[in-house]
Amino acid sequence: MKTFFRNVCLLDGTATEGVSPPINLRVTEGVIAEIGSDLMPNADEAVIEGQDDLLMPGLVNGHFHSSVNHMKGRLPGMPLEIFMMYECPELDTLRPTPREAYLRTMLGCIEMLETGTTAVQDDCFFVPEPEPDIMDAVMQAYADSGIRARLAIDQPEVPELDKLPFLSEQLPPSLKAELSRPARVGQTEMRALYRHLIDRWHGAADGRLQAAVSISAPQRVTPEYFAELDEVSRTHDLPFYAHMLETRLQRVFGQERLEGRSLVRYTADLGLLSDRMNIIHAIWIDEPDMDLIAASNATVAHNPNSNLRLGSGIMPFRALRDRGVNICLGVDEAIADDAVNMWLVMKTAGMIHSLTEPDWLRWPQAAEILAAATVGGGVAMRVPGLGRLEVGAPADLNLIDLSALAYLPLNNAARQLVHCETGSSVRLTMVAGRVVAKSGRVCHLDRAGLLAEAAECLGAKRRAVEAAAVQMDGRLPFYRDMYLRAMRTPVPMVRRIESADPSCKVF
């Protein structure tokens, strides 16, 4: 597959408007082959007229959970630990069919591709437990959609009571026994599932589909399983996903259950903090945590919309960047962002940190945010060249209509991309050299048929989801007490905007 882009502009921070003069770009066998003003198309190349519009790298959704693509608007804002209780209870009534899993994954693929996200890291959880045919359905959707994807199995391994502070002290005996049960799948089953994922899907679709590994979070697995997955990651050079210090409660967990250590320090003490690791959220980290992350060359996955939706706090962006830490951006999930749109993530990331840094010269700049959404994501995914416009890089590209309202007039391309764009100006999306969306619509799928089937099939799950929520209501008072106790427990940092109004203090 060969494509020639004629008369396109590229981002150029040294130019007045932030774009280069028109130039040409050749794509061959899924990579950028040549860039130059003197290039001419060959007879066997499809020519795309750039119309002096902007050609830029496709966006990388650096952290995502596809399992809840069908649950937008399902829950109100609530803290993570309560949110998760309602989002993914391990109930057999919520077990999907392979077709349901395929359709819900495809919903996210369509939304991403149509708005210019060309690659995704899916830290997929499977309710009530992972199964090969459901994993296959997820990966088949990624294969059919044309997106670039990595899939990991986000599966906690220890009982619920081992993951949280204070909870066991408050529960009645029957509920305490229920939450003390071992995980539904153990290490032996998980080894087999990872073998299946890697053997069947790693490197599929000419390398567009790849595997990753996940522990969900360090407190949700045993040290032995943590080390075993790290070995899988090392052997196959896979990204390793780990949620760490997303919430204040998780900071308190370390103080109460890990002899005062943070989850970052705990991971480092196990010898498992590495450049393969994606540390997800990293909000309630302190200076020593940041030094450990920087020394390991790990990536931090920043999910600002989810962090706001769940009231988790504001990640210390500038302190991490000052240490040279690679940062990527992520949607997190449709139920916690209520969109699968990386432009909206970029806009929030470009503004939220102005509330925590008094020196405006240290606020994130638009070029930094764009880099996190492209190059930073490529580093996180461990795909050489991904997110860059350079010869030899994967041809994952967006063509942006500079005549759209967001760019009239064109004052500064980087700032307008971050602060004005919503995805509506994406003229064309290309992944691995293949055009997958034009004028805001995927162009190789039965879009209408898939969406109609998804509406019927996934809409039919609503009663089961609502019934599961009623079942979880019985746990709510105990989780609320746990959460409020953690909020009262002192921690050595501030990552939330706390009100000085006494009437706002609910605890």
Protein backbone atom coordinates (compact mmCIF):
# COMPACT_ATOMS: atom_id res chain seq x y z
CA MET A 1 0.00 0.00 0.00
CA LYS A 2 1.56 3.26 -1.17
CA THR A 3 0.24 6.77 -0.56
CA PHE A 4 1.51 10.20 -1.53
CA PHE A 5 0.42 13.27 0.48
CA ARG A 6 0.80 16.38 -1.68
CA ASN A 7 0.91 19.94 -0.33
CA VAL A 8 0.54 19.30 3.38
CA CYS A 9 1.79 21.49 6.22
CA LEU A 10 3.62 20.08 9.23
CA LEU A 11 3.82 21.42 12.77
CA ASP A 12 6.73 23.84 13.08
CA GLY A 13 7.20 25.64 16.37
CA THR A 14 9.65 28.10 14.81
CA ALA A 15 7.16 29.38 12.23
CA THR A 16 4.88 32.34 12.95
CA GLU A 17 1.66 30.34 12.71
CA GLY A 18 3.26 27.12 13.92
CA VAL A 19 3.15 25.25 10.60
CA SER A 20 5.64 24.64 7.82
CA PRO A 21 5.25 25.71 4.19
CA PRO A 22 3.49 23.06 2.06
CA ILE A 23 5.52 19.90 1.62
CA ASN A 24 5.02 16.34 0.32
CA LEU A 25 5.18 13.04 2.18
CA ARG A 26 5.38 9.46 0.89
CA VAL A 27 4.04 6.41 2.75
CA THR A 28 5.23 2.94 1.75
CA GLU A 29 4.49 -0.38 3.44
CA GLY A 30 2.97 1.23 6.49
CA VAL A 31 5.79 3.67 7.30
CA ILE A 32 6.80 7.19 6.35
CA ALA A 33 9.27 6.69 3.51
CA GLU A 34 10.16 10.23 2.39
CA ILE A 35 9.41 13.86 3.27
CA GLY A 36 10.37 16.71 0.91
CA SER A 37 9.14 19.60 -1.19
CA ASP A 38 10.64 18.18 -4.39
CA LEU A 39 9.03 14.74 -4.18
CA MET A 40 6.77 13.61 -7.02
CA PRO A 41 4.12 10.86 -6.88
CA ASN A 42 4.79 7.53 -8.53
CA ALA A 43 2.30 5.85 -10.86
CA ASP A 44 1.47 3.14 -8.29
CA GLU A 45 0.71 5.56 -5.45
CA ALA A 46 -2.66 6.84 -4.27
CA VAL A 47 -2.42 10.64 -4.13
CA ILE A 48 -4.08 12.55 -1.31
CA GLU A 49 -4.30 16.28 -1.94
CA GLY A 50 -3.31 18.03 1.26
CA GLN A 51 -4.89 21.38 0.31
CA ASP A 52 -2.27 23.07 2.54
CA ASP A 53 -3.90 21.41 5.55
CA LEU A 54 -1.99 20.05 8.53
CA LEU A 55 -0.58 16.52 8.56
CA MET A 56 0.27 15.41 12.08
CA PRO A 57 0.89 12.17 13.97
CA GLY A 58 -2.18 10.25 15.06
CA LEU A 59 -3.09 10.52 18.74
CA VAL A 60 -2.23 7.72 21.16
CA ASN A 61 -4.76 6.84 23.85
CA GLY A 62 -2.15 5.84 26.40
CA HIS A 63 -4.51 4.33 28.96
CA PHE A 64 -7.93 2.81 28.38
CA HIS A 65 -10.39 0.21 29.69
CA SER A 66 -12.59 -0.87 26.78
CA SER A 67 -14.84 -3.07 28.91
CA VAL A 68 -17.21 -0.20 29.69
CA ASN A 69 -17.43 1.49 26.28
CA HIS A 70 -21.19 0.89 26.42
CA MET A 71 -21.71 2.55 29.82
CA LYS A 72 -21.36 6.28 29.10
CA GLY A 73 -23.38 8.30 31.56
CA ARG A 74 -24.15 5.21 33.63
CA LEU A 75 -22.78 6.53 36.95
CA PRO A 76 -22.65 9.92 38.65
CA GLY A 77 -19.35 11.29 39.88
CA MET A 78 -18.12 9.40 42.92
CA PRO A 79 -14.74 8.43 44.41
CA LEU A 80 -12.84 5.65 42.64
CA GLU A 81 -13.24 3.02 45.36
CA ILE A 82 -17.03 3.46 45.36
CA PHE A 83 -17.14 3.95 41.60
CA MET A 84 -15.38 0.61 40.99
CA MET A 85 -17.84 -1.18 43.26
CA TYR A 86 -20.69 -0.18 40.93
CA GLU A 87 -18.74 -0.26 37.68
CA CYS A 88 -17.46 -3.83 37.63
CA PRO A 89 -18.91 -6.14 40.28
CA GLU A 90 -17.80 -9.73 39.65
CA LEU A 91 -21.28 -11.10 39.03
CA ASP A 92 -22.16 -13.88 36.60
CA THR A 93 -25.19 -11.89 35.45
CA LEU A 94 -22.78 -9.41 33.83
CA ARG A 95 -20.86 -12.01 31.83
CA PRO A 96 -20.81 -10.87 28.17
CA THR A 97 -21.15 -13.01 25.11
CA PRO A 98 -18.27 -12.81 22.62
CA ARG A 99 -20.48 -10.73 20.33
CA GLU A 100 -21.22 -8.25 23.11
CA ALA A 101 -17.51 -7.94 23.83
CA TYR A 102 -16.82 -7.39 20.13
CA LEU A 103 -19.49 -4.72 19.78
CA ARG A 104 -18.58 -2.77 22.90
CA THR A 105 -14.92 -2.74 21.81
CA MET A 106 -15.92 -1.60 18.34
CA LEU A 107 -17.85 1.35 19.80
CA GLY A 108 -14.60 2.71 21.20
CA CYS A 109 -12.68 1.95 18.01
CA ILE A 110 -15.12 3.89 15.86
CA GLU A 111 -15.11 6.90 18.16
CA MET A 112 -11.32 6.94 18.37
CA LEU A 113 -10.65 6.54 14.67
CA GLU A 114 -13.24 9.12 13.64
CA THR A 115 -11.64 11.71 15.93
CA GLY A 116 -8.02 10.94 15.06
CA THR A 117 -6.85 8.49 17.71
CA THR A 118 -4.82 5.89 15.87
CA ALA A 119 -3.41 3.77 18.72
CA VAL A 120 -4.66 2.59 22.11
CA GLN A 121 -3.36 0.77 25.16
CA ASP A 122 -6.26 -1.30 26.48
CA ASP A 123 -5.84 -2.36 30.10
CA CYS A 124 -8.94 -4.50 29.74
CA PHE A 125 -10.76 -5.97 32.72
CA PHE A 126 -13.09 -8.91 32.20
CA VAL A 127 -16.21 -9.41 34.33
CA PRO A 128 -16.71 -11.72 36.07
CA GLU A 129 -13.35 -13.19 34.97
CA PRO A 130 -11.19 -13.30 31.81
CA GLU A 131 -11.96 -15.98 29.24
CA PRO A 132 -10.14 -16.78 25.99
CA ASP A 133 -13.17 -16.32 23.73
CA ILE A 134 -13.93 -12.89 25.20
CA MET A 135 -10.30 -11.82 24.84
CA ASP A 136 -10.39 -13.03 21.25
CA ALA A 137 -13.54 -11.00 20.58
CA VAL A 138 -11.88 -7.84 21.88
CA MET A 139 -8.79 -8.38 19.76
CA GLN A 140 -10.86 -9.28 16.70
CA ALA A 141 -12.63 -5.92 17.01
CA TYR A 142 -9.27 -4.18 17.10
CA ALA A 143 -8.14 -6.22 14.10
CA ASP A 144 -11.27 -5.41 12.07
CA SER A 145 -11.34 -1.73 13.02
CA GLY A 146 -7.84 -1.01 11.73
CA ILE A 147 -6.62 0.71 14.89
CA ARG A 148 -3.22 0.00 16.45
CA ALA A 149 -3.72 -1.63 19.86
CA ARG A 150 -2.07 -3.32 22.79
CA LEU A 151 -4.19 -5.48 25.11
CA ALA A 152 -3.45 -6.51 28.68
CA ILE A 153 -5.51 -8.55 31.15
CA ASP A 154 -6.33 -6.31 34.12
CA GLN A 155 -7.10 -8.96 36.72
CA PRO A 156 -6.69 -8.53 40.50
CA GLU A 157 -5.49 -11.62 42.29
CA VAL A 158 -6.04 -11.06 46.02
CA PRO A 159 -9.33 -10.85 47.96
CA GLU A 160 -11.15 -7.53 48.07
CA LEU A 161 -10.34 -6.95 51.74
CA ASP A 162 -6.61 -7.13 51.03
CA LYS A 163 -6.80 -4.24 48.56
CA LEU A 164 -8.27 -1.59 50.85
CA PRO A 165 -7.53 -0.10 54.29
CA PHE A 166 -10.01 -0.09 57.19
CA LEU A 167 -12.80 -1.98 55.41
CA SER A 168 -12.48 -5.29 57.26
CA GLU A 169 -13.01 -3.54 60.60
CA GLN A 170 -16.47 -2.34 59.66
CA LEU A 171 -18.16 -5.24 57.91
CA PRO A 172 -20.78 -7.63 59.27
CA PRO A 173 -19.58 -11.27 59.33
CA SER A 174 -21.47 -12.39 56.22
CA LEU A 175 -20.15 -9.57 54.04
CA LYS A 176 -16.68 -9.92 55.50
CA ALA A 177 -16.65 -13.58 54.51
CA GLU A 178 -17.86 -12.71 51.00
CA LEU A 179 -15.14 -10.10 50.48
CA SER A 180 -12.47 -12.41 51.88
CA ARG A 181 -12.89 -15.00 49.14
CA PRO A 182 -9.92 -15.57 46.82
CA ALA A 183 -10.00 -14.16 43.32
CA ARG A 184 -12.01 -16.13 40.79
CA VAL A 185 -8.90 -16.98 38.75
CA GLY A 186 -5.50 -17.81 40.15
CA GLN A 187 -1.93 -17.69 38.88
CA THR A 188 -2.17 -20.99 36.99
CA GLU A 189 -5.20 -19.84 35.02
CA MET A 190 -3.66 -16.42 34.39
CA ARG A 191 -0.48 -17.98 33.02
CA ALA A 192 -2.58 -19.90 30.51
CA LEU A 193 -4.54 -16.77 29.55
CA TYR A 194 -1.37 -14.79 28.91
CA ARG A 195 0.07 -17.62 26.86
CA HIS A 196 -3.10 -17.55 24.77
CA LEU A 197 -2.98 -13.77 24.33
CA ILE A 198 0.68 -13.73 23.35
CA ASP A 199 0.66 -16.83 21.16
CA ARG A 200 -2.46 -15.89 19.23
CA TRP A 201 -2.41 -12.10 19.07
CA HIS A 202 1.01 -10.61 19.80
CA GLY A 203 2.27 -9.31 16.46
CA ALA A 204 -0.99 -10.02 14.62
CA ALA A 205 -2.24 -7.82 11.77
CA ASP A 206 1.33 -7.20 10.55
CA GLY A 207 2.39 -6.09 14.02
CA ARG A 208 -0.48 -3.64 14.50
CA LEU A 209 -1.85 -5.72 17.39
CA GLN A 210 0.35 -6.52 20.37
CA ALA A 211 0.09 -7.75 23.92
CA ALA A 212 0.90 -6.02 27.20
CA VAL A 213 0.74 -7.15 30.82
CA SER A 214 -1.12 -5.70 33.80
CA ILE A 215 -1.30 -6.20 37.54
CA SER A 216 -4.13 -3.67 37.81
CA ALA A 217 -2.34 -2.25 40.89
CA PRO A 218 0.44 -3.45 43.21
CA GLN A 219 -1.92 -3.87 46.18
CA ARG A 220 -4.24 -6.04 44.10
CA VAL A 221 -1.77 -8.89 43.48
CA THR A 222 0.75 -10.95 45.44
CA PRO A 223 4.47 -10.11 45.14
CA GLU A 224 5.00 -13.50 43.52
CA TYR A 225 2.48 -12.87 40.75
CA PHE A 226 3.80 -9.33 40.33
CA ALA A 227 7.29 -10.73 39.71
CA GLU A 228 5.99 -13.41 37.38
CA LEU A 229 4.25 -10.87 35.17
CA ASP A 230 7.35 -8.70 35.19
CA GLU A 231 9.26 -11.66 33.75
CA VAL A 232 6.65 -12.04 31.00
CA SER A 233 7.01 -8.32 30.28
CA ARG A 234 10.80 -8.56 30.16
CA THR A 235 10.87 -11.70 28.00
CA HIS A 236 8.59 -10.26 25.31
CA ASP A 237 9.46 -6.56 25.82
CA LEU A 238 5.86 -5.68 26.70
CA PRO A 239 4.56 -2.57 28.47
CA PHE A 240 3.60 -3.29 32.07
CA TYR A 241 0.47 -1.46 33.32
CA ALA A 242 0.07 -0.61 37.01
CA HIS A 243 -2.34 1.86 38.60
CA MET A 244 -0.48 3.62 41.41
CA LEU A 245 -1.54 6.32 43.83
CA GLU A 246 -4.60 7.31 41.88
CA THR A 247 -6.40 8.33 45.07
CA ARG A 248 -5.69 9.65 48.54
CA LEU A 249 -7.04 6.37 49.91
CA GLN A 250 -4.26 4.51 48.09
CA ARG A 251 -1.70 6.74 49.79
CA VAL A 252 -3.31 5.87 53.11
CA PHE A 253 -3.19 2.18 52.17
CA GLY A 254 0.61 2.39 52.05
CA GLN A 255 0.73 4.12 55.41
CA GLU A 256 -1.54 1.52 56.98
CA ARG A 257 -0.63 -1.71 55.21
CA LEU A 258 2.86 -1.31 53.71
CA GLU A 259 4.78 -0.05 56.75
CA GLY A 260 4.42 3.54 55.60
CA ARG A 261 5.73 2.93 52.10
CA SER A 262 4.01 4.33 49.05
CA LEU A 263 3.01 1.96 46.27
CA VAL A 264 5.85 3.36 44.17
CA ARG A 265 8.39 2.67 46.92
CA TYR A 266 6.89 -0.78 47.50
CA THR A 267 7.26 -1.59 43.79
CA ALA A 268 10.84 -0.31 43.76
CA ASP A 269 11.66 -2.37 46.87
CA LEU A 270 10.44 -5.45 45.01
CA GLY A 271 12.87 -4.59 42.20
CA LEU A 272 10.00 -4.28 39.74
CA LEU A 273 10.05 -0.60 38.78
CA SER A 274 11.39 -0.48 35.21
CA ASP A 275 11.33 1.40 31.93
CA ARG A 276 8.64 -1.01 30.72
CA MET A 277 6.21 0.13 33.38
CA ASN A 278 3.30 2.48 32.72
CA ILE A 279 2.46 4.03 36.09
CA ILE A 280 -1.16 5.00 35.70
CA HIS A 281 -2.45 8.21 37.33
CA ALA A 282 0.44 8.91 39.79
CA ILE A 283 -1.47 11.67 41.56
CA TRP A 284 -0.62 11.10 45.23
CA ILE A 285 3.11 10.74 44.68
CA ASP A 286 5.72 12.61 46.71
CA GLU A 287 9.19 13.85 45.79
CA PRO A 288 10.95 10.53 46.58
CA ASP A 289 8.35 8.70 44.46
CA MET A 290 9.06 11.04 41.55
CA ASP A 291 12.80 10.46 41.90
CA LEU A 292 12.25 6.70 41.81
CA ILE A 293 10.05 6.97 38.72
CA ALA A 294 12.59 9.15 36.95
CA ALA A 295 15.50 6.85 37.82
CA SER A 296 13.62 3.84 36.44
CA ASN A 297 12.66 5.58 33.16
CA ALA A 298 9.07 4.47 33.69
CA THR A 299 6.22 6.29 31.93
CA VAL A 300 3.38 8.04 33.75
CA ALA A 301 -0.07 7.83 32.13
CA HIS A 302 -2.00 11.04 32.83
CA ASN A 303 -5.82 10.82 32.72
CA PRO A 304 -7.02 14.30 33.70
CA ASN A 305 -10.70 13.94 32.76
CA SER A 306 -11.09 10.72 34.72
CA ASN A 307 -9.20 12.23 37.64
CA LEU A 308 -11.68 15.10 37.74
CA ARG A 309 -14.75 12.92 37.21
CA LEU A 310 -13.80 10.76 40.22
CA GLY A 311 -12.45 13.58 42.36
CA SER A 312 -9.08 11.87 42.57
CA GLY A 313 -6.88 14.96 42.39
CA ILE A 314 -4.39 16.71 40.13
CA MET A 315 -1.19 14.98 39.02
CA PRO A 316 2.07 16.96 39.54
CA PHE A 317 2.78 17.41 35.82
CA ARG A 318 5.61 19.95 36.00
CA ALA A 319 7.47 18.19 38.82
CA LEU A 320 7.50 14.99 36.76
CA ARG A 321 8.57 16.74 33.55
CA ASP A 322 11.34 18.57 35.42
CA ARG A 323 12.74 15.12 36.19
CA GLY A 324 12.52 14.04 32.56
CA VAL A 325 9.69 11.55 33.13
CA ASN A 326 7.87 10.48 29.97
CA ILE A 327 4.17 11.33 30.19
CA CYS A 328 1.43 9.96 27.96
CA LEU A 329 -2.26 10.89 28.01
CA GLY A 330 -5.27 8.62 28.32
CA VAL A 331 -9.05 8.64 28.25
CA ASP A 332 -9.10 5.96 30.98
CA GLU A 333 -12.59 4.73 30.13
CA ALA A 334 -15.87 5.83 28.65
CA ILE A 335 -17.73 5.54 31.94
CA ALA A 336 -15.25 7.80 33.76
CA ASP A 337 -14.74 10.32 30.96
CA ASP A 338 -18.05 9.87 29.10
CA ALA A 339 -16.22 10.29 25.80
CA VAL A 340 -13.45 8.43 24.03
CA ASN A 341 -11.93 11.58 22.60
CA MET A 342 -8.27 12.46 23.09
CA TRP A 343 -8.77 16.10 22.04
CA LEU A 344 -10.92 16.63 25.12
CA VAL A 345 -8.25 14.98 27.26
CA MET A 346 -5.61 17.29 25.80
CA LYS A 347 -7.69 20.38 26.49
CA THR A 348 -8.13 19.45 30.15
CA ALA A 349 -4.45 18.54 30.51
CA GLY A 350 -3.55 21.91 29.03
CA MET A 351 -5.57 23.83 31.63
CA ILE A 352 -5.98 21.93 34.92
CA HIS A 353 -2.39 22.38 36.08
CA SER A 354 -2.75 26.16 36.13
CA LEU A 355 -4.62 25.66 39.42
CA THR A 356 -1.66 24.06 41.18
CA GLU A 357 1.32 26.09 39.92
CA PRO A 358 1.39 29.82 40.76
CA ASP A 359 4.15 30.59 38.23
CA TRP A 360 2.36 30.67 34.89
CA LEU A 361 5.66 30.20 33.07
CA ARG A 362 5.65 26.64 34.46
CA TRP A 363 2.17 25.77 33.25
CA PRO A 364 2.13 23.04 30.57
CA GLN A 365 2.59 24.46 27.10
CA ALA A 366 0.55 23.28 24.13
CA ALA A 367 3.59 21.68 22.50
CA GLU A 368 4.18 19.61 25.65
CA ILE A 369 0.59 18.41 25.67
CA LEU A 370 0.74 17.47 21.99
CA ALA A 371 3.99 15.60 22.62
CA ALA A 372 2.40 13.65 25.47
CA ALA A 373 -0.53 12.66 23.23
CA THR A 374 1.75 11.50 20.41
CA VAL A 375 5.43 10.85 21.13
CA GLY A 376 4.81 10.14 24.82
CA GLY A 377 2.22 7.55 23.88
CA GLY A 378 4.62 5.95 21.42
CA VAL A 379 7.26 5.59 24.13
CA ALA A 380 4.68 4.12 26.50
CA MET A 381 3.59 1.59 23.86
CA ARG A 382 7.23 0.69 23.08
CA VAL A 383 6.67 1.16 19.36
CA PRO A 384 9.74 2.84 17.81
CA GLY A 385 8.91 6.09 16.05
CA LEU A 386 5.23 6.04 16.94
CA GLY A 387 3.88 9.56 17.34
CA ARG A 388 6.61 11.16 15.22
CA LEU A 389 6.61 12.60 11.72
CA GLU A 390 9.94 11.30 10.51
CA VAL A 391 11.25 8.87 7.94
CA GLY A 392 10.89 5.28 9.16
CA ALA A 393 8.14 6.07 11.67
CA PRO A 394 4.80 4.21 11.50
CA ALA A 395 2.40 5.99 9.14
CA ASP A 396 -0.25 6.66 11.81
CA LEU A 397 -1.43 10.09 10.67
CA ASN A 398 -4.18 12.69 10.86
CA LEU A 399 -4.94 15.29 8.21
CA ILE A 400 -6.46 18.35 9.91
CA ASP A 401 -8.66 20.81 8.00
CA LEU A 402 -7.08 24.21 8.64
CA SER A 403 -10.08 25.94 7.04
CA ALA A 404 -12.30 24.72 9.91
CA LEU A 405 -13.63 27.22 12.44
CA ALA A 406 -11.15 26.06 15.08
CA TYR A 407 -8.31 27.52 12.97
CA LEU A 408 -9.86 30.71 11.63
CA PRO A 409 -7.67 32.64 11.72
CA LEU A 410 -4.61 30.45 12.21
CA ASN A 411 -2.75 32.13 15.08
CA ASN A 412 -0.82 29.28 16.66
CA ALA A 413 -1.38 25.74 15.41
CA ALA A 414 -0.25 23.92 18.55
CA ARG A 415 -2.44 26.00 20.88
CA GLN A 416 -5.44 25.73 18.60
CA LEU A 417 -5.02 21.96 18.32
CA VAL A 418 -4.98 21.62 22.10
CA HIS A 419 -7.56 24.24 23.07
CA CYS A 420 -9.91 24.52 20.08
CA GLU A 421 -10.05 21.12 18.38
CA THR A 422 -12.70 18.52 19.24
CA GLY A 423 -11.96 16.01 16.48
CA SER A 424 -14.47 17.52 14.07
CA SER A 425 -11.71 18.95 11.86
CA VAL A 426 -10.04 15.59 11.19
CA ARG A 427 -10.28 15.15 7.41
CA LEU A 428 -8.55 11.80 7.29
CA THR A 429 -7.14 9.19 9.66
CA MET A 430 -4.47 6.69 8.61
CA VAL A 431 -3.10 3.73 10.59
CA ALA A 432 -0.07 1.77 9.42
CA GLY A 433 -0.42 3.32 5.96
CA ARG A 434 -4.10 2.48 5.55
CA VAL A 435 -6.82 5.14 5.44
CA VAL A 436 -9.37 4.11 8.07
CA ALA A 437 -11.56 7.23 8.34
CA LYS A 438 -12.50 10.10 6.05
CA SER A 439 -14.50 13.24 6.88
CA GLY A 440 -15.26 11.98 10.38
CA ARG A 441 -16.53 8.52 9.38
CA VAL A 442 -14.81 5.15 9.33
CA CYS A 443 -14.62 4.08 5.73
CA HIS A 444 -14.13 0.31 5.78
CA LEU A 445 -16.78 -0.89 8.25
CA ASP A 446 -20.55 -1.25 8.16
CA ARG A 447 -20.82 1.63 10.60
CA ALA A 448 -24.59 1.91 10.61
CA GLY A 449 -25.08 -1.83 10.98
CA LEU A 450 -22.57 -2.12 13.83
CA LEU A 451 -24.06 0.80 15.74
CA ALA A 452 -27.61 -0.47 15.32
CA GLU A 453 -26.61 -3.93 16.51
CA ALA A 454 -24.69 -2.46 19.45
CA ALA A 455 -27.66 -0.34 20.50
CA GLU A 456 -29.93 -3.38 20.57
CA CYS A 457 -27.48 -5.93 21.97
CA LEU A 458 -25.81 -3.78 24.62
CA GLY A 459 -29.00 -1.95 25.51
CA ALA A 460 -30.46 -5.30 26.50
CA LYS A 461 -27.84 -5.53 29.29
CA ARG A 462 -29.24 -2.50 31.07
CA ARG A 463 -31.52 -4.46 33.38
CA ALA A 464 -28.69 -6.73 34.48
CA VAL A 465 -26.46 -3.72 35.16
CA GLU A 466 -29.19 -1.97 37.14
CA ALA A 467 -29.87 -5.11 39.17
CA ALA A 468 -26.16 -5.44 39.94
CA ALA A 469 -26.12 -1.85 41.19
CA VAL A 470 -28.98 -2.60 43.59
CA GLN A 471 -27.02 -5.57 44.88
CA MET A 472 -24.01 -3.31 45.50
CA ASP A 473 -26.11 -0.78 47.40
CA GLY A 474 -25.83 -2.99 50.48
CA ARG A 475 -22.07 -2.44 50.57
CA LEU A 476 -22.23 1.32 50.14
CA PRO A 477 -22.40 2.39 53.82
CA PHE A 478 -19.27 0.40 54.66
CA TYR A 479 -17.30 1.65 51.65
CA ARG A 480 -18.37 5.20 52.40
CA ASP A 481 -17.14 4.90 55.99
CA MET A 482 -13.84 3.51 54.73
CA TYR A 483 -13.46 6.33 52.24
CA LEU A 484 -14.26 9.08 54.75
CA ARG A 485 -11.86 7.61 57.29
CA ALA A 486 -9.11 7.66 54.67
CA MET A 487 -9.96 11.28 53.86
CA ARG A 488 -9.51 12.15 57.54
CA THR A 489 -6.14 10.39 57.73
CA PRO A 490 -3.25 12.88 57.30
CA VAL A 491 -1.02 12.45 54.25
CA PRO A 492 2.10 14.51 53.47
CA MET A 493 0.81 16.30 50.34
CA VAL A 494 -2.12 18.17 48.80
CA ARG A 495 -3.44 17.04 45.43
CA ARG A 496 -7.03 18.28 45.68
CA ILE A 497 -8.52 21.76 45.79
CA GLU A 498 -9.94 21.79 49.30
CA SER A 499 -12.67 24.26 50.20
CA ALA A 500 -12.17 26.56 53.19
CA ASP A 501 -15.95 26.71 53.70
CA PRO A 502 -16.82 24.67 56.83
CA SER A 503 -20.20 23.77 55.32
CA CYS A 504 -18.37 21.79 52.61
CA LYS A 505 -16.76 19.44 55.16
CA VAL A 506 -18.73 16.21 55.07
CA PHE A 507 -16.37 14.37 57.39
